[in-house]
Amino acid sequence: MELYNITGFLIHRTDVKMTNYFTKQLKPFEMTPEQWSIISVLDGERATTQKELAEAIDRDQSTVVRMIHSLEKKGFVKRIVNDADKRSHNLFLSDKGITLKSKLLPIVIEAHNHVTRYLSEGEIEQLKAILEKLYASVRDD
């Protein structure tokens, strides 16, 4: 089978280019795409557990703990012991994190618009549906 007919290769090649582009957009804010994924999920008002966060961004909990620690050191995330389960922490965006999220959101939207500029709204929806099907086919493997 020819390399350019292998779906995994095509997705990986695209992911690398898109991640590099997104990394460049976030660099002035000393933020990585992975850190943005956490910032985008967290809120200043609603508590999120580390487990919920790991599931939301599809990362293992130990990786998420390291990422949270880094964001906490930068002052973007607050970690508060869960009253119901002392082994668990509730995560919130700090005021600084909320401000950063509002600054980054237009940049993220512009990056999305840039990488999808040759696609119609219908094609974007089709792409999402196809990628969800591919993800579902390998999710538990």
N, C-alpha and C. Protein backbone atom coordinates (compact mmCIF):
# COMPACT_ATOMS: atom_id res chain seq x y z
N MET A 1 0.85 -1.18 0.00
CA MET A 1 0.00 0.00 0.00
C MET A 1 0.89 1.24 0.00
N GLU A 2 0.56 2.19 -0.83
CA GLU A 2 1.33 3.43 -0.93
C GLU A 2 1.13 4.28 0.34
N LEU A 3 2.21 4.88 0.81
CA LEU A 3 2.20 5.66 2.05
C LEU A 3 1.09 6.71 2.06
N TYR A 4 0.90 7.42 0.96
CA TYR A 4 -0.10 8.49 0.92
C TYR A 4 -1.53 7.99 0.81
N ASN A 5 -1.71 6.68 0.84
CA ASN A 5 -3.04 6.09 0.91
C ASN A 5 -3.35 5.55 2.30
N ILE A 6 -2.42 5.70 3.21
CA ILE A 6 -2.61 5.20 4.57
C ILE A 6 -3.18 6.33 5.42
N THR A 7 -4.38 6.11 5.92
CA THR A 7 -5.09 7.13 6.68
C THR A 7 -4.29 7.62 7.88
N GLY A 8 -3.69 6.71 8.61
CA GLY A 8 -2.92 7.10 9.79
C GLY A 8 -1.77 8.03 9.45
N PHE A 9 -1.08 7.76 8.34
CA PHE A 9 0.01 8.63 7.91
C PHE A 9 -0.51 10.02 7.58
N LEU A 10 -1.60 10.08 6.84
CA LEU A 10 -2.16 11.37 6.44
C LEU A 10 -2.63 12.18 7.65
N ILE A 11 -3.24 11.52 8.61
CA ILE A 11 -3.69 12.22 9.82
C ILE A 11 -2.49 12.69 10.63
N HIS A 12 -1.50 11.83 10.79
CA HIS A 12 -0.30 12.21 11.55
C HIS A 12 0.41 13.38 10.90
N ARG A 13 0.60 13.32 9.60
CA ARG A 13 1.28 14.39 8.87
C ARG A 13 0.55 15.72 9.07
N THR A 14 -0.76 15.68 8.98
CA THR A 14 -1.57 16.88 9.18
C THR A 14 -1.50 17.36 10.62
N ASP A 15 -1.56 16.42 11.55
CA ASP A 15 -1.49 16.78 12.97
C ASP A 15 -0.18 17.47 13.30
N VAL A 16 0.93 16.97 12.79
CA VAL A 16 2.24 17.57 13.06
C VAL A 16 2.26 19.01 12.57
N LYS A 17 1.80 19.25 11.34
CA LYS A 17 1.80 20.60 10.79
C LYS A 17 0.86 21.53 11.57
N MET A 18 -0.33 21.02 11.90
CA MET A 18 -1.28 21.85 12.64
C MET A 18 -0.78 22.15 14.04
N THR A 19 -0.17 21.17 14.70
CA THR A 19 0.37 21.39 16.04
C THR A 19 1.51 22.40 16.00
N ASN A 20 2.38 22.30 15.01
CA ASN A 20 3.46 23.28 14.87
C ASN A 20 2.91 24.69 14.67
N TYR A 21 1.89 24.82 13.84
CA TYR A 21 1.27 26.12 13.60
C TYR A 21 0.68 26.67 14.90
N PHE A 22 -0.07 25.84 15.59
CA PHE A 22 -0.73 26.25 16.83
C PHE A 22 0.30 26.60 17.90
N THR A 23 1.37 25.84 17.97
CA THR A 23 2.45 26.11 18.93
C THR A 23 3.02 27.51 18.70
N LYS A 24 3.23 27.86 17.44
CA LYS A 24 3.75 29.20 17.11
C LYS A 24 2.79 30.30 17.54
N GLN A 25 1.50 30.05 17.41
CA GLN A 25 0.51 31.06 17.79
C GLN A 25 0.48 31.27 19.31
N LEU A 26 0.74 30.20 20.06
CA LEU A 26 0.67 30.28 21.53
C LEU A 26 2.00 30.69 22.18
N LYS A 27 3.08 30.59 21.42
CA LYS A 27 4.42 30.82 21.98
C LYS A 27 4.57 32.18 22.68
N PRO A 28 4.04 33.29 22.14
CA PRO A 28 4.19 34.57 22.83
C PRO A 28 3.59 34.59 24.24
N PHE A 29 2.69 33.65 24.51
CA PHE A 29 2.04 33.57 25.82
C PHE A 29 2.66 32.50 26.71
N GLU A 30 3.77 31.92 26.22
CA GLU A 30 4.46 30.84 26.95
C GLU A 30 3.49 29.72 27.32
N MET A 31 2.68 29.37 26.34
CA MET A 31 1.65 28.35 26.52
C MET A 31 1.84 27.30 25.43
N THR A 32 1.64 26.04 25.77
CA THR A 32 1.69 24.96 24.78
C THR A 32 0.26 24.56 24.40
N PRO A 33 0.10 23.89 23.26
CA PRO A 33 -1.25 23.40 22.93
C PRO A 33 -1.84 22.50 24.01
N GLU A 34 -1.01 21.69 24.64
CA GLU A 34 -1.49 20.81 25.71
C GLU A 34 -1.97 21.63 26.91
N GLN A 35 -1.23 22.67 27.26
CA GLN A 35 -1.64 23.53 28.37
C GLN A 35 -2.93 24.27 28.01
N TRP A 36 -3.02 24.70 26.75
CA TRP A 36 -4.27 25.36 26.32
C TRP A 36 -5.45 24.43 26.49
N SER A 37 -5.27 23.14 26.19
CA SER A 37 -6.39 22.21 26.32
C SER A 37 -6.91 22.19 27.76
N ILE A 38 -6.02 22.29 28.72
CA ILE A 38 -6.43 22.34 30.12
C ILE A 38 -7.13 23.66 30.43
N ILE A 39 -6.51 24.76 30.02
CA ILE A 39 -7.10 26.09 30.26
C ILE A 39 -8.51 26.16 29.65
N SER A 40 -8.66 25.60 28.45
CA SER A 40 -9.96 25.68 27.76
C SER A 40 -11.04 24.89 28.48
N VAL A 41 -10.66 23.82 29.17
CA VAL A 41 -11.65 22.99 29.87
C VAL A 41 -12.01 23.58 31.23
N LEU A 42 -11.01 24.15 31.91
CA LEU A 42 -11.25 24.65 33.26
C LEU A 42 -12.04 25.95 33.25
N ASP A 43 -12.61 26.24 34.40
CA ASP A 43 -13.48 27.39 34.59
C ASP A 43 -13.12 28.04 35.92
N GLY A 44 -13.47 29.27 36.10
CA GLY A 44 -13.21 29.95 37.37
C GLY A 44 -14.26 29.66 38.41
N GLU A 45 -15.42 29.19 37.99
CA GLU A 45 -16.54 28.98 38.91
C GLU A 45 -16.83 27.50 39.18
N ARG A 46 -16.73 26.67 38.15
CA ARG A 46 -17.12 25.27 38.27
C ARG A 46 -15.89 24.40 38.51
N ALA A 47 -15.97 23.59 39.55
CA ALA A 47 -14.86 22.69 39.89
C ALA A 47 -14.77 21.56 38.87
N THR A 48 -13.54 21.18 38.56
CA THR A 48 -13.26 20.03 37.70
C THR A 48 -12.24 19.18 38.43
N THR A 49 -12.47 17.88 38.50
CA THR A 49 -11.49 17.00 39.14
C THR A 49 -10.39 16.66 38.14
N GLN A 50 -9.28 16.17 38.67
CA GLN A 50 -8.18 15.76 37.79
C GLN A 50 -8.64 14.63 36.87
N LYS A 51 -9.45 13.73 37.40
CA LYS A 51 -9.94 12.61 36.59
C LYS A 51 -10.82 13.13 35.45
N GLU A 52 -11.73 14.05 35.75
CA GLU A 52 -12.60 14.62 34.72
C GLU A 52 -11.77 15.34 33.65
N LEU A 53 -10.76 16.06 34.11
CA LEU A 53 -9.90 16.78 33.18
C LEU A 53 -9.15 15.82 32.27
N ALA A 54 -8.59 14.76 32.85
CA ALA A 54 -7.86 13.76 32.07
C ALA A 54 -8.76 13.14 31.00
N GLU A 55 -10.00 12.85 31.38
CA GLU A 55 -10.95 12.29 30.41
C GLU A 55 -11.29 13.31 29.32
N ALA A 56 -11.47 14.57 29.71
CA ALA A 56 -11.86 15.62 28.76
C ALA A 56 -10.79 15.85 27.70
N ILE A 57 -9.51 15.78 28.10
CA ILE A 57 -8.44 16.05 27.13
C ILE A 57 -7.77 14.77 26.64
N ASP A 58 -8.30 13.63 27.08
CA ASP A 58 -7.83 12.31 26.63
C ASP A 58 -6.34 12.10 26.91
N ARG A 59 -5.97 12.33 28.16
CA ARG A 59 -4.60 12.10 28.62
C ARG A 59 -4.67 11.26 29.90
N ASP A 60 -3.57 10.56 30.20
CA ASP A 60 -3.56 9.79 31.45
C ASP A 60 -3.40 10.77 32.62
N GLN A 61 -3.87 10.33 33.78
CA GLN A 61 -3.92 11.22 34.94
C GLN A 61 -2.53 11.68 35.39
N SER A 62 -1.52 10.84 35.28
CA SER A 62 -0.18 11.26 35.73
C SER A 62 0.35 12.39 34.85
N THR A 63 0.07 12.35 33.55
CA THR A 63 0.47 13.44 32.65
C THR A 63 -0.28 14.71 33.01
N VAL A 64 -1.56 14.58 33.28
CA VAL A 64 -2.38 15.74 33.63
C VAL A 64 -1.89 16.37 34.93
N VAL A 65 -1.51 15.56 35.89
CA VAL A 65 -1.00 16.10 37.16
C VAL A 65 0.23 16.96 36.91
N ARG A 66 1.15 16.50 36.08
CA ARG A 66 2.34 17.29 35.76
C ARG A 66 1.97 18.59 35.06
N MET A 67 1.04 18.52 34.13
CA MET A 67 0.61 19.71 33.41
C MET A 67 -0.07 20.71 34.34
N ILE A 68 -0.90 20.21 35.24
CA ILE A 68 -1.57 21.08 36.21
C ILE A 68 -0.54 21.75 37.11
N HIS A 69 0.44 20.97 37.55
CA HIS A 69 1.49 21.52 38.42
C HIS A 69 2.19 22.69 37.73
N SER A 70 2.50 22.53 36.46
CA SER A 70 3.16 23.59 35.70
C SER A 70 2.27 24.83 35.61
N LEU A 71 0.99 24.64 35.32
CA LEU A 71 0.06 25.77 35.22
C LEU A 71 -0.19 26.41 36.58
N GLU A 72 -0.14 25.60 37.62
CA GLU A 72 -0.31 26.13 38.98
C GLU A 72 0.89 27.01 39.35
N LYS A 73 2.10 26.57 38.99
CA LYS A 73 3.31 27.36 39.25
C LYS A 73 3.27 28.70 38.53
N LYS A 74 2.65 28.72 37.34
CA LYS A 74 2.53 29.96 36.58
C LYS A 74 1.40 30.85 37.09
N GLY A 75 0.61 30.31 38.02
CA GLY A 75 -0.48 31.09 38.61
C GLY A 75 -1.79 31.05 37.83
N PHE A 76 -1.94 30.12 36.90
CA PHE A 76 -3.15 30.06 36.08
C PHE A 76 -4.22 29.12 36.64
N VAL A 77 -3.81 28.18 37.47
CA VAL A 77 -4.73 27.16 37.98
C VAL A 77 -4.65 27.12 39.50
N LYS A 78 -5.82 26.92 40.12
CA LYS A 78 -5.90 26.71 41.58
C LYS A 78 -6.33 25.26 41.81
N ARG A 79 -5.68 24.64 42.78
CA ARG A 79 -6.01 23.26 43.14
C ARG A 79 -6.48 23.30 44.59
N ILE A 80 -7.72 22.86 44.83
CA ILE A 80 -8.32 22.89 46.16
C ILE A 80 -8.75 21.48 46.52
N VAL A 81 -8.44 21.06 47.74
CA VAL A 81 -8.81 19.71 48.19
C VAL A 81 -10.32 19.56 48.15
N ASN A 82 -10.76 18.44 47.60
CA ASN A 82 -12.18 18.12 47.50
C ASN A 82 -12.70 17.74 48.87
N ASP A 83 -13.73 18.45 49.35
CA ASP A 83 -14.29 18.17 50.68
C ASP A 83 -14.87 16.77 50.78
N ALA A 84 -15.45 16.28 49.70
CA ALA A 84 -16.08 14.96 49.72
C ALA A 84 -15.07 13.83 49.66
N ASP A 85 -13.92 14.07 49.02
CA ASP A 85 -12.88 13.05 48.87
C ASP A 85 -11.52 13.72 49.03
N LYS A 86 -10.94 13.59 50.20
CA LYS A 86 -9.69 14.30 50.53
C LYS A 86 -8.51 13.89 49.64
N ARG A 87 -8.64 12.75 48.94
CA ARG A 87 -7.57 12.33 48.04
C ARG A 87 -7.64 13.04 46.69
N SER A 88 -8.77 13.69 46.45
CA SER A 88 -9.03 14.34 45.16
C SER A 88 -8.92 15.85 45.29
N HIS A 89 -8.63 16.50 44.18
CA HIS A 89 -8.56 17.96 44.15
C HIS A 89 -9.56 18.51 43.14
N ASN A 90 -10.15 19.64 43.51
CA ASN A 90 -10.97 20.38 42.56
C ASN A 90 -10.07 21.41 41.90
N LEU A 91 -10.21 21.54 40.61
CA LEU A 91 -9.38 22.46 39.84
C LEU A 91 -10.23 23.61 39.33
N PHE A 92 -9.66 24.80 39.40
CA PHE A 92 -10.31 26.01 38.92
C PHE A 92 -9.27 26.86 38.20
N LEU A 93 -9.72 27.71 37.32
CA LEU A 93 -8.84 28.74 36.79
C LEU A 93 -8.74 29.85 37.83
N SER A 94 -7.55 30.37 38.01
CA SER A 94 -7.35 31.53 38.86
C SER A 94 -7.81 32.76 38.07
N ASP A 95 -7.83 33.91 38.71
CA ASP A 95 -8.16 35.15 38.00
C ASP A 95 -7.18 35.36 36.84
N LYS A 96 -5.92 35.06 37.09
CA LYS A 96 -4.90 35.18 36.04
C LYS A 96 -5.20 34.20 34.90
N GLY A 97 -5.65 33.00 35.24
CA GLY A 97 -6.00 31.99 34.24
C GLY A 97 -7.22 32.40 33.42
N ILE A 98 -8.19 33.02 34.08
CA ILE A 98 -9.39 33.50 33.38
C ILE A 98 -9.01 34.59 32.39
N THR A 99 -8.14 35.50 32.82
CA THR A 99 -7.67 36.57 31.94
C THR A 99 -6.92 35.99 30.75
N LEU A 100 -6.05 35.02 31.00
CA LEU A 100 -5.30 34.39 29.91
C LEU A 100 -6.25 33.69 28.94
N LYS A 101 -7.22 32.98 29.45
CA LYS A 101 -8.17 32.27 28.59
C LYS A 101 -8.89 33.25 27.67
N SER A 102 -9.29 34.39 28.21
CA SER A 102 -9.99 35.38 27.38
C SER A 102 -9.06 36.00 26.33
N LYS A 103 -7.77 36.11 26.63
CA LYS A 103 -6.80 36.61 25.66
C LYS A 103 -6.52 35.58 24.57
N LEU A 104 -6.45 34.31 24.97
CA LEU A 104 -6.09 33.26 24.02
C LEU A 104 -7.24 32.83 23.12
N LEU A 105 -8.46 32.93 23.59
CA LEU A 105 -9.59 32.44 22.82
C LEU A 105 -9.66 33.03 21.41
N PRO A 106 -9.51 34.34 21.23
CA PRO A 106 -9.52 34.87 19.85
C PRO A 106 -8.36 34.32 18.99
N ILE A 107 -7.23 34.07 19.61
CA ILE A 107 -6.07 33.53 18.89
C ILE A 107 -6.35 32.09 18.47
N VAL A 108 -6.96 31.33 19.35
CA VAL A 108 -7.32 29.94 19.04
C VAL A 108 -8.37 29.90 17.93
N ILE A 109 -9.34 30.78 18.00
CA ILE A 109 -10.38 30.84 16.96
C ILE A 109 -9.75 31.21 15.62
N GLU A 110 -8.85 32.19 15.63
CA GLU A 110 -8.18 32.59 14.40
C GLU A 110 -7.32 31.44 13.85
N ALA A 111 -6.64 30.71 14.71
CA ALA A 111 -5.84 29.57 14.27
C ALA A 111 -6.74 28.50 13.65
N HIS A 112 -7.87 28.24 14.28
CA HIS A 112 -8.84 27.28 13.73
C HIS A 112 -9.31 27.75 12.35
N ASN A 113 -9.66 29.03 12.26
CA ASN A 113 -10.13 29.56 10.98
C ASN A 113 -9.05 29.48 9.90
N HIS A 114 -7.80 29.69 10.31
CA HIS A 114 -6.69 29.62 9.35
C HIS A 114 -6.52 28.20 8.80
N VAL A 115 -6.51 27.23 9.68
CA VAL A 115 -6.24 25.86 9.21
C VAL A 115 -7.44 25.24 8.49
N THR A 116 -8.63 25.80 8.69
CA THR A 116 -9.82 25.27 8.02
C THR A 116 -10.30 26.19 6.89
N ARG A 117 -9.48 27.14 6.50
CA ARG A 117 -9.90 28.17 5.53
C ARG A 117 -10.30 27.60 4.17
N TYR A 118 -9.82 26.43 3.81
CA TYR A 118 -10.18 25.85 2.51
C TYR A 118 -11.36 24.88 2.61
N LEU A 119 -11.96 24.79 3.78
CA LEU A 119 -13.08 23.88 3.99
C LEU A 119 -14.38 24.67 4.19
N SER A 120 -15.46 24.15 3.66
CA SER A 120 -16.78 24.75 3.91
C SER A 120 -17.23 24.30 5.31
N GLU A 121 -18.27 24.95 5.82
CA GLU A 121 -18.83 24.53 7.12
C GLU A 121 -19.28 23.08 7.06
N GLY A 122 -19.88 22.69 5.96
CA GLY A 122 -20.32 21.29 5.80
C GLY A 122 -19.15 20.33 5.82
N GLU A 123 -18.05 20.70 5.16
CA GLU A 123 -16.87 19.84 5.15
C GLU A 123 -16.25 19.74 6.54
N ILE A 124 -16.26 20.84 7.28
CA ILE A 124 -15.74 20.80 8.65
C ILE A 124 -16.58 19.84 9.50
N GLU A 125 -17.88 19.89 9.35
CA GLU A 125 -18.76 18.98 10.10
C GLU A 125 -18.53 17.54 9.67
N GLN A 126 -18.36 17.30 8.38
CA GLN A 126 -18.06 15.95 7.89
C GLN A 126 -16.74 15.46 8.45
N LEU A 127 -15.74 16.32 8.44
CA LEU A 127 -14.42 15.95 8.96
C LEU A 127 -14.51 15.56 10.42
N LYS A 128 -15.23 16.36 11.21
CA LYS A 128 -15.39 16.04 12.64
C LYS A 128 -16.05 14.67 12.81
N ALA A 129 -17.10 14.42 12.03
CA ALA A 129 -17.81 13.14 12.14
C ALA A 129 -16.91 11.97 11.75
N ILE A 130 -16.14 12.15 10.70
CA ILE A 130 -15.23 11.08 10.26
C ILE A 130 -14.15 10.83 11.31
N LEU A 131 -13.57 11.91 11.84
CA LEU A 131 -12.53 11.75 12.86
C LEU A 131 -13.09 11.09 14.12
N GLU A 132 -14.32 11.42 14.49
CA GLU A 132 -14.95 10.76 15.64
C GLU A 132 -15.11 9.26 15.40
N LYS A 133 -15.48 8.88 14.18
CA LYS A 133 -15.62 7.46 13.85
C LYS A 133 -14.27 6.75 13.91
N LEU A 134 -13.24 7.39 13.37
CA LEU A 134 -11.90 6.80 13.43
C LEU A 134 -11.44 6.67 14.88
N TYR A 135 -11.67 7.70 15.66
CA TYR A 135 -11.29 7.67 17.08
C TYR A 135 -12.01 6.54 17.80
N ALA A 136 -13.31 6.42 17.55
CA ALA A 136 -14.09 5.36 18.20
C ALA A 136 -13.58 3.97 17.83
N SER A 137 -13.06 3.83 16.62
CA SER A 137 -12.60 2.51 16.19
C SER A 137 -11.31 2.08 16.88
N VAL A 138 -10.57 3.04 17.45
CA VAL A 138 -9.29 2.70 18.12
C VAL A 138 -9.26 3.11 19.59
N ARG A 139 -10.32 3.70 20.07
CA ARG A 139 -10.36 4.25 21.44
C ARG A 139 -9.92 3.25 22.51
N ASP A 140 -10.42 2.05 22.45
CA ASP A 140 -10.16 1.08 23.51
C ASP A 140 -9.07 0.09 23.18
N ASP A 141 -8.37 0.28 22.08
CA ASP A 141 -7.29 -0.65 21.69
C ASP A 141 -6.02 -0.40 22.44
